């Protein structure tokens, strides 16, 4: 999938450089979400939830993202394993849930 790698800039070097920073950020988010909160701040969906979900959507291949992302089944095995691992984190599951539960409502509110 060379075109796929070029399109998103995913090279072995880029992956190695980004991996540590991503892992640390996800660990912090997982710790924050460990208390079972439904939203990052307060009792309802907010810009904080939208921002986190938007940032993580490409990494977890959120089906409801709305822009082109490869289907999970179309990813090469190494990338698919990374996406599945990130989806299994609390932060990844949170991002997927935000898209699943709030994307339609956000579009409707924006008049899209």
PDB file of N, CA and C in Angstrom:
ATOM      1  N   UNK A   1       0.814  -1.184   0.000  1.00  0.00           N
ATOM      2  CA  UNK A   1       0.000   0.000   0.000  1.00  0.00           C
ATOM      3  C   UNK A   1       0.872   1.268   0.000  1.00  0.00           C
ATOM      4  N   UNK A   2       1.806   1.411  -0.928  1.00  0.00           N
ATOM      5  CA  UNK A   2       2.670   2.585  -0.961  1.00  0.00           C
ATOM      6  C   UNK A   2       1.914   3.899  -1.083  1.00  0.00           C
ATOM      7  N   UNK A   3       0.839   3.946  -1.880  1.00  0.00           N
ATOM      8  CA  UNK A   3       0.066   5.180  -2.026  1.00  0.00           C
ATOM      9  C   UNK A   3      -0.549   5.560  -0.689  1.00  0.00           C
ATOM     10  N   UNK A   4      -1.065   4.589   0.016  1.00  0.00           N
ATOM     11  CA  UNK A   4      -1.665   4.823   1.324  1.00  0.00           C
ATOM     12  C   UNK A   4      -0.630   5.424   2.266  1.00  0.00           C
ATOM     13  N   UNK A   5       0.565   4.856   2.283  1.00  0.00           N
ATOM     14  CA  UNK A   5       1.614   5.377   3.166  1.00  0.00           C
ATOM     15  C   UNK A   5       1.988   6.803   2.784  1.00  0.00           C
ATOM     16  N   UNK A   6       2.117   7.086   1.498  1.00  0.00           N
ATOM     17  CA  UNK A   6       2.449   8.446   1.063  1.00  0.00           C
ATOM     18  C   UNK A   6       1.331   9.411   1.413  1.00  0.00           C
ATOM     19  N   UNK A   7       0.106   8.990   1.228  1.00  0.00           N
ATOM     20  CA  UNK A   7      -1.035   9.873   1.465  1.00  0.00           C
ATOM     21  C   UNK A   7      -1.067  10.368   2.902  1.00  0.00           C
ATOM     22  N   UNK A   8      -0.760   9.528   3.842  1.00  0.00           N
ATOM     23  CA  UNK A   8      -0.798   9.945   5.247  1.00  0.00           C
ATOM     24  C   UNK A   8       0.587  10.116   5.858  1.00  0.00           C
ATOM     25  N   UNK A   9       1.636   9.989   5.054  1.00  0.00           N
ATOM     26  CA  UNK A   9       2.994  10.214   5.548  1.00  0.00           C
ATOM     27  C   UNK A   9       3.486   9.173   6.528  1.00  0.00           C
ATOM     28  N   UNK A  10       3.003   7.976   6.418  1.00  0.00           N
ATOM     29  CA  UNK A  10       3.342   6.908   7.357  1.00  0.00           C
ATOM     30  C   UNK A  10       4.543   6.140   6.855  1.00  0.00           C
ATOM     31  N   UNK A  11       5.684   6.438   7.426  1.00  0.00           N
ATOM     32  CA  UNK A  11       6.914   5.732   7.091  1.00  0.00           C
ATOM     33  C   UNK A  11       7.437   5.087   8.364  1.00  0.00           C
ATOM     34  N   UNK A  12       8.339   4.127   8.244  1.00  0.00           N
ATOM     35  CA  UNK A  12       8.903   3.532   9.462  1.00  0.00           C
ATOM     36  C   UNK A  12       9.572   4.569  10.365  1.00  0.00           C
ATOM     37  N   UNK A  13      10.276   5.531   9.791  1.00  0.00           N
ATOM     38  CA  UNK A  13      10.917   6.568  10.610  1.00  0.00           C
ATOM     39  C   UNK A  13       9.898   7.454  11.301  1.00  0.00           C
ATOM     40  N   UNK A  14       8.867   7.863  10.560  1.00  0.00           N
ATOM     41  CA  UNK A  14       7.825   8.701  11.148  1.00  0.00           C
ATOM     42  C   UNK A  14       7.114   7.955  12.270  1.00  0.00           C
ATOM     43  N   UNK A  15       6.873   6.693  12.038  1.00  0.00           N
ATOM     44  CA  UNK A  15       6.198   5.876  13.056  1.00  0.00           C
ATOM     45  C   UNK A  15       7.041   5.782  14.331  1.00  0.00           C
ATOM     46  N   UNK A  16       8.325   5.550  14.173  1.00  0.00           N
ATOM     47  CA  UNK A  16       9.212   5.424  15.330  1.00  0.00           C
ATOM     48  C   UNK A  16       9.286   6.731  16.115  1.00  0.00           C
ATOM     49  N   UNK A  17       9.370   7.857  15.414  1.00  0.00           N
ATOM     50  CA  UNK A  17       9.454   9.156  16.096  1.00  0.00           C
ATOM     51  C   UNK A  17       8.172   9.488  16.847  1.00  0.00           C
ATOM     52  N   UNK A  18       7.051   9.182  16.251  1.00  0.00           N
ATOM     53  CA  UNK A  18       5.769   9.560  16.842  1.00  0.00           C
ATOM     54  C   UNK A  18       5.303   8.600  17.930  1.00  0.00           C
ATOM     55  N   UNK A  19       5.766   7.390  17.887  1.00  0.00           N
ATOM     56  CA  UNK A  19       5.250   6.345  18.762  1.00  0.00           C
ATOM     57  C   UNK A  19       5.346   6.696  20.244  1.00  0.00           C
ATOM     58  N   UNK A  20       6.480   7.169  20.698  1.00  0.00           N
ATOM     59  CA  UNK A  20       6.654   7.492  22.116  1.00  0.00           C
ATOM     60  C   UNK A  20       5.720   8.584  22.584  1.00  0.00           C
ATOM     61  N   UNK A  21       5.613   9.649  21.797  1.00  0.00           N
ATOM     62  CA  UNK A  21       4.742  10.765  22.171  1.00  0.00           C
ATOM     63  C   UNK A  21       3.284  10.330  22.206  1.00  0.00           C
ATOM     64  N   UNK A  22       2.882   9.552  21.237  1.00  0.00           N
ATOM     65  CA  UNK A  22       1.500   9.067  21.187  1.00  0.00           C
ATOM     66  C   UNK A  22       1.219   8.166  22.380  1.00  0.00           C
ATOM     67  N   UNK A  23       2.127   7.270  22.671  1.00  0.00           N
ATOM     68  CA  UNK A  23       1.927   6.344  23.800  1.00  0.00           C
ATOM     69  C   UNK A  23       1.803   7.102  25.121  1.00  0.00           C
ATOM     70  N   UNK A  24       2.638   8.121  25.329  1.00  0.00           N
ATOM     71  CA  UNK A  24       2.559   8.905  26.572  1.00  0.00           C
ATOM     72  C   UNK A  24       1.224   9.651  26.664  1.00  0.00           C
ATOM     73  N   UNK A  25       0.811  10.267  25.570  1.00  0.00           N
ATOM     74  CA  UNK A  25      -0.452  11.012  25.576  1.00  0.00           C
ATOM     75  C   UNK A  25      -1.630  10.079  25.820  1.00  0.00           C
ATOM     76  N   UNK A  26      -1.629   8.922  25.169  1.00  0.00           N
ATOM     77  CA  UNK A  26      -2.722   7.965  25.370  1.00  0.00           C
ATOM     78  C   UNK A  26      -2.745   7.434  26.799  1.00  0.00           C
ATOM     79  N   UNK A  27      -1.574   7.226  27.379  1.00  0.00           N
ATOM     80  CA  UNK A  27      -1.515   6.757  28.772  1.00  0.00           C
ATOM     81  C   UNK A  27      -2.130   7.803  29.708  1.00  0.00           C
ATOM     82  N   UNK A  28      -1.838   9.080  29.466  1.00  0.00           N
ATOM     83  CA  UNK A  28      -2.419  10.148  30.285  1.00  0.00           C
ATOM     84  C   UNK A  28      -3.941  10.201  30.098  1.00  0.00           C
ATOM     85  N   UNK A  29      -4.391  10.095  28.867  1.00  0.00           N
ATOM     86  CA  UNK A  29      -5.836  10.098  28.606  1.00  0.00           C
ATOM     87  C   UNK A  29      -6.509   8.886  29.222  1.00  0.00           C
ATOM     88  N   UNK A  30      -5.874   7.728  29.100  1.00  0.00           N
ATOM     89  CA  UNK A  30      -6.449   6.521  29.696  1.00  0.00           C
ATOM     90  C   UNK A  30      -6.584   6.676  31.206  1.00  0.00           C
ATOM     91  N   UNK A  31      -5.596   7.299  31.822  1.00  0.00           N
ATOM     92  CA  UNK A  31      -5.653   7.521  33.267  1.00  0.00           C
ATOM     93  C   UNK A  31      -6.814   8.462  33.611  1.00  0.00           C
ATOM     94  N   UNK A  32      -6.969   9.524  32.837  1.00  0.00           N
ATOM     95  CA  UNK A  32      -8.062  10.467  33.059  1.00  0.00           C
ATOM     96  C   UNK A  32      -9.422   9.790  32.900  1.00  0.00           C
ATOM     97  N   UNK A  33      -9.545   8.924  31.899  1.00  0.00           N
ATOM     98  CA  UNK A  33     -10.821   8.268  31.611  1.00  0.00           C
ATOM     99  C   UNK A  33     -11.082   7.042  32.490  1.00  0.00           C
ATOM    100  N   UNK A  34     -10.120   6.651  33.298  1.00  0.00           N
ATOM    101  CA  UNK A  34     -10.249   5.447  34.125  1.00  0.00           C
ATOM    102  C   UNK A  34     -11.387   5.545  35.138  1.00  0.00           C
ATOM    103  N   UNK A  35     -11.802   6.755  35.475  1.00  0.00           N
ATOM    104  CA  UNK A  35     -12.874   6.897  36.460  1.00  0.00           C
ATOM    105  C   UNK A  35     -14.267   6.667  35.854  1.00  0.00           C
ATOM    106  N   UNK A  36     -14.305   6.358  34.549  1.00  0.00           N
ATOM    107  CA  UNK A  36     -15.580   6.040  33.916  1.00  0.00           C
ATOM    108  C   UNK A  36     -16.360   7.227  33.405  1.00  0.00           C
ATOM    109  N   UNK A  37     -15.762   8.398  33.434  1.00  0.00           N
ATOM    110  CA  UNK A  37     -16.481   9.592  32.968  1.00  0.00           C
ATOM    111  C   UNK A  37     -16.953   9.417  31.534  1.00  0.00           C
ATOM    112  N   UNK A  38     -18.099   9.987  31.223  1.00  0.00           N
ATOM    113  CA  UNK A  38     -18.649   9.908  29.862  1.00  0.00           C
ATOM    114  C   UNK A  38     -18.087  11.000  28.968  1.00  0.00           C
ATOM    115  N   UNK A  39     -17.653  12.107  29.566  1.00  0.00           N
ATOM    116  CA  UNK A  39     -17.124  13.236  28.817  1.00  0.00           C
ATOM    117  C   UNK A  39     -15.860  13.740  29.501  1.00  0.00           C
ATOM    118  N   UNK A  40     -15.020  14.429  28.748  1.00  0.00           N
ATOM    119  CA  UNK A  40     -13.759  14.902  29.322  1.00  0.00           C
ATOM    120  C   UNK A  40     -13.973  15.966  30.385  1.00  0.00           C
ATOM    121  N   UNK A  41     -14.919  16.875  30.121  1.00  0.00           N
ATOM    122  CA  UNK A  41     -15.163  17.995  31.031  1.00  0.00           C
ATOM    123  C   UNK A  41     -16.667  18.124  31.240  1.00  0.00           C
ATOM    124  N   UNK A  42     -17.121  18.015  32.462  1.00  0.00           N
ATOM    125  CA  UNK A  42     -18.534  18.224  32.736  1.00  0.00           C
ATOM    126  C   UNK A  42     -19.400  17.022  32.408  1.00  0.00           C
ATOM    127  N   UNK A  43     -20.706  17.304  32.340  1.00  0.00           N
ATOM    128  CA  UNK A  43     -21.693  16.237  32.205  1.00  0.00           C
ATOM    129  C   UNK A  43     -22.276  16.105  30.811  1.00  0.00           C
ATOM    130  N   UNK A  44     -21.758  16.888  29.840  1.00  0.00           N
ATOM    131  CA  UNK A  44     -22.280  16.771  28.484  1.00  0.00           C
ATOM    132  C   UNK A  44     -21.189  16.987  27.453  1.00  0.00           C
ATOM    133  N   UNK A  45     -21.489  16.585  26.236  1.00  0.00           N
ATOM    134  CA  UNK A  45     -20.572  16.706  25.109  1.00  0.00           C
ATOM    135  C   UNK A  45     -20.117  18.153  24.958  1.00  0.00           C
ATOM    136  N   UNK A  46     -18.795  18.342  24.779  1.00  0.00           N
ATOM    137  CA  UNK A  46     -18.253  19.699  24.674  1.00  0.00           C
ATOM    138  C   UNK A  46     -17.154  19.750  23.609  1.00  0.00           C
ATOM    139  N   UNK A  47     -16.610  20.937  23.436  1.00  0.00           N
ATOM    140  CA  UNK A  47     -15.525  21.132  22.480  1.00  0.00           C
ATOM    141  C   UNK A  47     -14.316  20.260  22.827  1.00  0.00           C
ATOM    142  N   UNK A  48     -14.107  20.001  24.104  1.00  0.00           N
ATOM    143  CA  UNK A  48     -12.983  19.142  24.502  1.00  0.00           C
ATOM    144  C   UNK A  48     -13.161  17.731  23.951  1.00  0.00           C
ATOM    145  N   UNK A  49     -14.369  17.209  24.022  1.00  0.00           N
ATOM    146  CA  UNK A  49     -14.656  15.874  23.495  1.00  0.00           C
ATOM    147  C   UNK A  49     -14.502  15.848  21.974  1.00  0.00           C
ATOM    148  N   UNK A  50     -15.014  16.885  21.333  1.00  0.00           N
ATOM    149  CA  UNK A  50     -14.908  16.991  19.883  1.00  0.00           C
ATOM    150  C   UNK A  50     -13.448  17.057  19.448  1.00  0.00           C
ATOM    151  N   UNK A  51     -12.649  17.857  20.150  1.00  0.00           N
ATOM    152  CA  UNK A  51     -11.234  17.996  19.794  1.00  0.00           C
ATOM    153  C   UNK A  51     -10.495  16.665  19.936  1.00  0.00           C
ATOM    154  N   UNK A  52     -10.706  15.991  21.054  1.00  0.00           N
ATOM    155  CA  UNK A  52     -10.025  14.707  21.253  1.00  0.00           C
ATOM    156  C   UNK A  52     -10.458  13.694  20.201  1.00  0.00           C
ATOM    157  N   UNK A  53     -11.751  13.594  19.968  1.00  0.00           N
ATOM    158  CA  UNK A  53     -12.244  12.641  18.979  1.00  0.00           C
ATOM    159  C   UNK A  53     -11.687  12.966  17.594  1.00  0.00           C
ATOM    160  N   UNK A  54     -11.629  14.244  17.250  1.00  0.00           N
ATOM    161  CA  UNK A  54     -11.115  14.648  15.941  1.00  0.00           C
ATOM    162  C   UNK A  54      -9.645  14.301  15.775  1.00  0.00           C
ATOM    163  N   UNK A  55      -8.875  14.505  16.820  1.00  0.00           N
ATOM    164  CA  UNK A  55      -7.443  14.199  16.758  1.00  0.00           C
ATOM    165  C   UNK A  55      -7.179  12.698  16.672  1.00  0.00           C
ATOM    166  N   UNK A  56      -7.992  11.918  17.355  1.00  0.00           N
ATOM    167  CA  UNK A  56      -7.767  10.473  17.376  1.00  0.00           C
ATOM    168  C   UNK A  56      -8.437   9.733  16.218  1.00  0.00           C
ATOM    169  N   UNK A  57      -9.414  10.356  15.567  1.00  0.00           N
ATOM    170  CA  UNK A  57     -10.176   9.670  14.520  1.00  0.00           C
ATOM    171  C   UNK A  57      -9.305   8.988  13.466  1.00  0.00           C
ATOM    172  N   UNK A  58      -8.299   9.652  12.899  1.00  0.00           N
ATOM    173  CA  UNK A  58      -7.480   8.961  11.900  1.00  0.00           C
ATOM    174  C   UNK A  58      -6.685   7.789  12.483  1.00  0.00           C
ATOM    175  N   UNK A  59      -6.304   7.907  13.749  1.00  0.00           N
ATOM    176  CA  UNK A  59      -5.497   6.839  14.365  1.00  0.00           C
ATOM    177  C   UNK A  59      -6.325   5.621  14.730  1.00  0.00           C
ATOM    178  N   UNK A  60      -7.641   5.827  14.938  1.00  0.00           N
ATOM    179  CA  UNK A  60      -8.510   4.694  15.276  1.00  0.00           C
ATOM    180  C   UNK A  60      -9.433   4.339  14.114  1.00  0.00           C
ATOM    181  N   UNK A  61      -9.219   5.008  12.971  1.00  0.00           N
ATOM    182  CA  UNK A  61     -10.025   4.777  11.762  1.00  0.00           C
ATOM    183  C   UNK A  61     -11.520   4.798  12.092  1.00  0.00           C
ATOM    184  N   UNK A  62     -11.951   5.910  12.694  1.00  0.00           N
ATOM    185  CA  UNK A  62     -13.363   6.051  13.071  1.00  0.00           C
ATOM    186  C   UNK A  62     -14.249   5.969  11.833  1.00  0.00           C
ATOM    187  N   UNK A  63     -15.157   5.003  11.777  1.00  0.00           N
ATOM    188  CA  UNK A  63     -16.008   4.833  10.598  1.00  0.00           C
ATOM    189  C   UNK A  63     -16.868   6.058  10.283  1.00  0.00           C
ATOM    190  N   UNK A  64     -17.251   6.815  11.294  1.00  0.00           N
ATOM    191  CA  UNK A  64     -18.120   7.974  11.100  1.00  0.00           C
ATOM    192  C   UNK A  64     -17.338   9.266  10.866  1.00  0.00           C
ATOM    193  N   UNK A  65     -16.055   9.181  10.656  1.00  0.00           N
ATOM    194  CA  UNK A  65     -15.187  10.360  10.543  1.00  0.00           C
ATOM    195  C   UNK A  65     -15.687  11.362   9.515  1.00  0.00           C
ATOM    196  N   UNK A  66     -16.129  10.914   8.361  1.00  0.00           N
ATOM    197  CA  UNK A  66     -16.687  11.813   7.366  1.00  0.00           C
ATOM    198  C   UNK A  66     -15.733  12.191   6.253  1.00  0.00           C
ATOM    199  N   UNK A  67     -14.453  12.007   6.446  1.00  0.00           N
ATOM    200  CA  UNK A  67     -13.456  12.220   5.394  1.00  0.00           C
ATOM    201  C   UNK A  67     -12.891  10.859   5.025  1.00  0.00           C
ATOM    202  N   UNK A  68     -12.178  10.803   3.920  1.00  0.00           N
ATOM    203  CA  UNK A  68     -11.636   9.530   3.478  1.00  0.00           C
ATOM    204  C   UNK A  68     -10.653   8.970   4.501  1.00  0.00           C
ATOM    205  N   UNK A  69     -10.911   7.769   4.917  1.00  0.00           N
ATOM    206  CA  UNK A  69      -9.976   6.968   5.704  1.00  0.00           C
ATOM    207  C   UNK A  69     -10.078   5.554   5.159  1.00  0.00           C
ATOM    208  N   UNK A  70      -8.969   4.846   5.113  1.00  0.00           N
ATOM    209  CA  UNK A  70      -9.053   3.458   4.639  1.00  0.00           C
ATOM    210  C   UNK A  70      -9.869   2.614   5.611  1.00  0.00           C
ATOM    211  N   UNK A  71     -10.568   1.653   5.079  1.00  0.00           N
ATOM    212  CA  UNK A  71     -11.295   0.704   5.925  1.00  0.00           C
ATOM    213  C   UNK A  71     -10.279  -0.145   6.677  1.00  0.00           C
ATOM    214  N   UNK A  72     -10.618  -0.551   7.861  1.00  0.00           N
ATOM    215  CA  UNK A  72      -9.721  -1.358   8.680  1.00  0.00           C
ATOM    216  C   UNK A  72      -9.253  -2.593   7.916  1.00  0.00           C
ATOM    217  N   UNK A  73     -10.146  -3.234   7.213  1.00  0.00           N
ATOM    218  CA  UNK A  73      -9.800  -4.447   6.467  1.00  0.00           C
ATOM    219  C   UNK A  73      -8.817  -4.179   5.330  1.00  0.00           C
ATOM    220  N   UNK A  74      -8.734  -2.932   4.867  1.00  0.00           N
ATOM    221  CA  UNK A  74      -7.849  -2.593   3.762  1.00  0.00           C
ATOM    222  C   UNK A  74      -6.439  -2.201   4.208  1.00  0.00           C
ATOM    223  N   UNK A  75      -6.229  -2.062   5.489  1.00  0.00           N
ATOM    224  CA  UNK A  75      -4.908  -1.677   5.991  1.00  0.00           C
ATOM    225  C   UNK A  75      -3.941  -2.850   5.921  1.00  0.00           C
ATOM    226  N   UNK A  76      -2.684  -2.531   5.715  1.00  0.00           N
ATOM    227  CA  UNK A  76      -1.680  -3.588   5.767  1.00  0.00           C
ATOM    228  C   UNK A  76      -1.606  -4.085   7.210  1.00  0.00           C
ATOM    229  N   UNK A  77      -1.158  -5.308   7.430  1.00  0.00           N
ATOM    230  CA  UNK A  77      -1.229  -5.927   8.760  1.00  0.00           C
ATOM    231  C   UNK A  77      -0.621  -5.099   9.890  1.00  0.00           C
ATOM    232  N   UNK A  78       0.533  -4.481   9.675  1.00  0.00           N
ATOM    233  CA  UNK A  78       1.163  -3.690  10.734  1.00  0.00           C
ATOM    234  C   UNK A  78       0.332  -2.487  11.134  1.00  0.00           C
ATOM    235  N   UNK A  79      -0.199  -1.781  10.144  1.00  0.00           N
ATOM    236  CA  UNK A  79      -1.059  -0.627  10.434  1.00  0.00           C
ATOM    237  C   UNK A  79      -2.352  -1.067  11.099  1.00  0.00           C
ATOM    238  N   UNK A  80      -2.926  -2.165  10.609  1.00  0.00           N
ATOM    239  CA  UNK A  80      -4.170  -2.666  11.196  1.00  0.00           C
ATOM    240  C   UNK A  80      -3.951  -3.016  12.667  1.00  0.00           C
ATOM    241  N   UNK A  81      -2.828  -3.623  12.975  1.00  0.00           N
ATOM    242  CA  UNK A  81      -2.522  -3.966  14.371  1.00  0.00           C
ATOM    243  C   UNK A  81      -2.410  -2.704  15.224  1.00  0.00           C
ATOM    244  N   UNK A  82      -1.785  -1.658  14.683  1.00  0.00           N
ATOM    245  CA  UNK A  82      -1.679  -0.392  15.418  1.00  0.00           C
ATOM    246  C   UNK A  82      -3.052   0.209  15.672  1.00  0.00           C
ATOM    247  N   UNK A  83      -3.900   0.227  14.661  1.00  0.00           N
ATOM    248  CA  UNK A  83      -5.248   0.787  14.811  1.00  0.00           C
ATOM    249  C   UNK A  83      -6.043  -0.029  15.832  1.00  0.00           C
ATOM    250  N   UNK A  84      -5.974  -1.338  15.748  1.00  0.00           N
ATOM    251  CA  UNK A  84      -6.713  -2.177  16.690  1.00  0.00           C
ATOM    252  C   UNK A  84      -6.210  -1.980  18.115  1.00  0.00           C
ATOM    253  N   UNK A  85      -4.900  -1.823  18.278  1.00  0.00           N
ATOM    254  CA  UNK A  85      -4.337  -1.588  19.611  1.00  0.00           C
ATOM    255  C   UNK A  85      -4.817  -0.249  20.158  1.00  0.00           C
ATOM    256  N   UNK A  86      -4.819   0.797  19.314  1.00  0.00           N
ATOM    257  CA  UNK A  86      -5.283   2.106  19.765  1.00  0.00           C
ATOM    258  C   UNK A  86      -6.776   2.108  20.058  1.00  0.00           C
ATOM    259  N   UNK A  87      -7.548   1.380  19.266  1.00  0.00           N
ATOM    260  CA  UNK A  87      -8.982   1.269  19.535  1.00  0.00           C
ATOM    261  C   UNK A  87      -9.248   0.616  20.885  1.00  0.00           C
ATOM    262  N   UNK A  88      -8.360  -0.243  21.321  1.00  0.00           N
ATOM    263  CA  UNK A  88      -8.541  -0.973  22.578  1.00  0.00           C
ATOM    264  C   UNK A  88      -8.208  -0.136  23.805  1.00  0.00           C
ATOM    265  N   UNK A  89      -7.580   1.028  23.621  1.00  0.00           N
ATOM    266  CA  UNK A  89      -7.299   1.892  24.767  1.00  0.00           C
ATOM    267  C   UNK A  89      -8.575   2.615  25.174  1.00  0.00           C
ATOM    268  N   UNK A  90      -8.609   3.131  26.402  1.00  0.00           N
ATOM    269  CA  UNK A  90      -9.772   3.914  26.825  1.00  0.00           C
ATOM    270  C   UNK A  90      -9.944   5.138  25.933  1.00  0.00           C
ATOM    271  N   UNK A  91      -8.831   5.788  25.596  1.00  0.00           N
ATOM    272  CA  UNK A  91      -8.906   6.988  24.756  1.00  0.00           C
ATOM    273  C   UNK A  91      -9.430   6.657  23.360  1.00  0.00           C
ATOM    274  N   UNK A  92      -8.960   5.566  22.789  1.00  0.00           N
ATOM    275  CA  UNK A  92      -9.434   5.156  21.471  1.00  0.00           C
ATOM    276  C   UNK A  92     -10.905   4.807  21.492  1.00  0.00           C
ATOM    277  N   UNK A  93     -11.327   4.054  22.491  1.00  0.00           N
ATOM    278  CA  UNK A  93     -12.744   3.694  22.624  1.00  0.00           C
ATOM    279  C   UNK A  93     -13.591   4.948  22.838  1.00  0.00           C
ATOM    280  N   UNK A  94     -13.062   5.906  23.591  1.00  0.00           N
ATOM    281  CA  UNK A  94     -13.754   7.175  23.828  1.00  0.00           C
ATOM    282  C   UNK A  94     -13.975   7.900  22.500  1.00  0.00           C
ATOM    283  N   UNK A  95     -12.931   8.006  21.679  1.00  0.00           N
ATOM    284  CA  UNK A  95     -13.045   8.695  20.392  1.00  0.00           C
ATOM    285  C   UNK A  95     -14.070   8.007  19.496  1.00  0.00           C
ATOM    286  N   UNK A  96     -14.017   6.706  19.441  1.00  0.00           N
ATOM    287  CA  UNK A  96     -14.994   5.967  18.628  1.00  0.00           C
ATOM    288  C   UNK A  96     -16.413   6.205  19.125  1.00  0.00           C
ATOM    289  N   UNK A  97     -16.602   6.224  20.432  1.00  0.00           N
ATOM    290  CA  UNK A  97     -17.927   6.449  21.002  1.00  0.00           C
ATOM    291  C   UNK A  97     -18.411   7.868  20.720  1.00  0.00           C
ATOM    292  N   UNK A  98     -17.518   8.852  20.804  1.00  0.00           N
ATOM    293  CA  UNK A  98     -17.917  10.226  20.515  1.00  0.00           C
ATOM    294  C   UNK A  98     -18.439  10.344  19.080  1.00  0.00           C
ATOM    295  N   UNK A  99     -17.737   9.718  18.143  1.00  0.00           N
ATOM    296  CA  UNK A  99     -18.209   9.749  16.751  1.00  0.00           C
ATOM    297  C   UNK A  99     -19.529   8.998  16.593  1.00  0.00           C
ATOM    298  N   UNK A 100     -19.614   7.845  17.198  1.00  0.00           N
ATOM    299  CA  UNK A 100     -20.815   7.018  17.063  1.00  0.00           C
ATOM    300  C   UNK A 100     -22.032   7.723  17.667  1.00  0.00           C
ATOM    301  N   UNK A 101     -21.853   8.346  18.827  1.00  0.00           N
ATOM    302  CA  UNK A 101     -23.000   8.922  19.537  1.00  0.00           C
ATOM    303  C   UNK A 101     -23.275  10.387  19.222  1.00  0.00           C
ATOM    304  N   UNK A 102     -22.273  11.135  18.766  1.00  0.00           N
ATOM    305  CA  UNK A 102     -22.451  12.583  18.664  1.00  0.00           C
ATOM    306  C   UNK A 102     -22.220  13.185  17.283  1.00  0.00           C
ATOM    307  N   UNK A 103     -21.689  12.439  16.354  1.00  0.00           N
ATOM    308  CA  UNK A 103     -21.426  13.026  15.039  1.00  0.00           C
ATOM    309  C   UNK A 103     -22.706  13.461  14.334  1.00  0.00           C
ATOM    310  N   UNK A 104     -23.708  12.637  14.327  1.00  0.00           N
ATOM    311  CA  UNK A 104     -24.963  12.997  13.675  1.00  0.00           C
ATOM    312  C   UNK A 104     -25.614  14.221  14.302  1.00  0.00           C
ATOM    313  N   UNK A 105     -25.600  14.305  15.620  1.00  0.00           N
ATOM    314  CA  UNK A 105     -26.192  15.439  16.319  1.00  0.00           C
ATOM    315  C   UNK A 105     -25.430  16.723  16.020  1.00  0.00           C
ATOM    316  N   UNK A 106     -24.103  16.628  15.951  1.00  0.00           N
ATOM    317  CA  UNK A 106     -23.293  17.809  15.667  1.00  0.00           C
ATOM    318  C   UNK A 106     -23.550  18.307  14.242  1.00  0.00           C
ATOM    319  N   UNK A 107     -23.697  17.403  13.296  1.00  0.00           N
ATOM    320  CA  UNK A 107     -23.984  17.801  11.911  1.00  0.00           C
ATOM    321  C   UNK A 107     -25.357  18.447  11.806  1.00  0.00           C
ATOM    322  N   UNK A 108     -26.322  17.879  12.499  1.00  0.00           N
ATOM    323  CA  UNK A 108     -27.676  18.425  12.462  1.00  0.00           C
ATOM    324  C   UNK A 108     -27.701  19.837  13.061  1.00  0.00           C
ATOM    325  N   UNK A 109     -26.984  20.028  14.161  1.00  0.00           N
ATOM    326  CA  UNK A 109     -26.937  21.343  14.813  1.00  0.00           C
ATOM    327  C   UNK A 109     -26.268  22.381  13.917  1.00  0.00           C
ATOM    328  N   UNK A 110     -25.319  21.933  13.090  1.00  0.00           N
ATOM    329  CA  UNK A 110     -24.616  22.847  12.189  1.00  0.00           C
ATOM    330  C   UNK A 110     -25.393  23.085  10.901  1.00  0.00           C
ATOM    331  N   UNK A 111     -26.500  22.384  10.729  1.00  0.00           N
ATOM    332  CA  UNK A 111     -27.309  22.548   9.533  1.00  0.00           C
ATOM    333  C   UNK A 111     -26.768  21.820   8.315  1.00  0.00           C
ATOM    334  N   UNK A 112     -25.902  20.824   8.553  1.00  0.00           N
ATOM    335  CA  UNK A 112     -25.318  20.074   7.436  1.00  0.00           C
ATOM    336  C   UNK A 112     -26.255  19.003   6.932  1.00  0.00           C
TER     337      UNK A 112
END
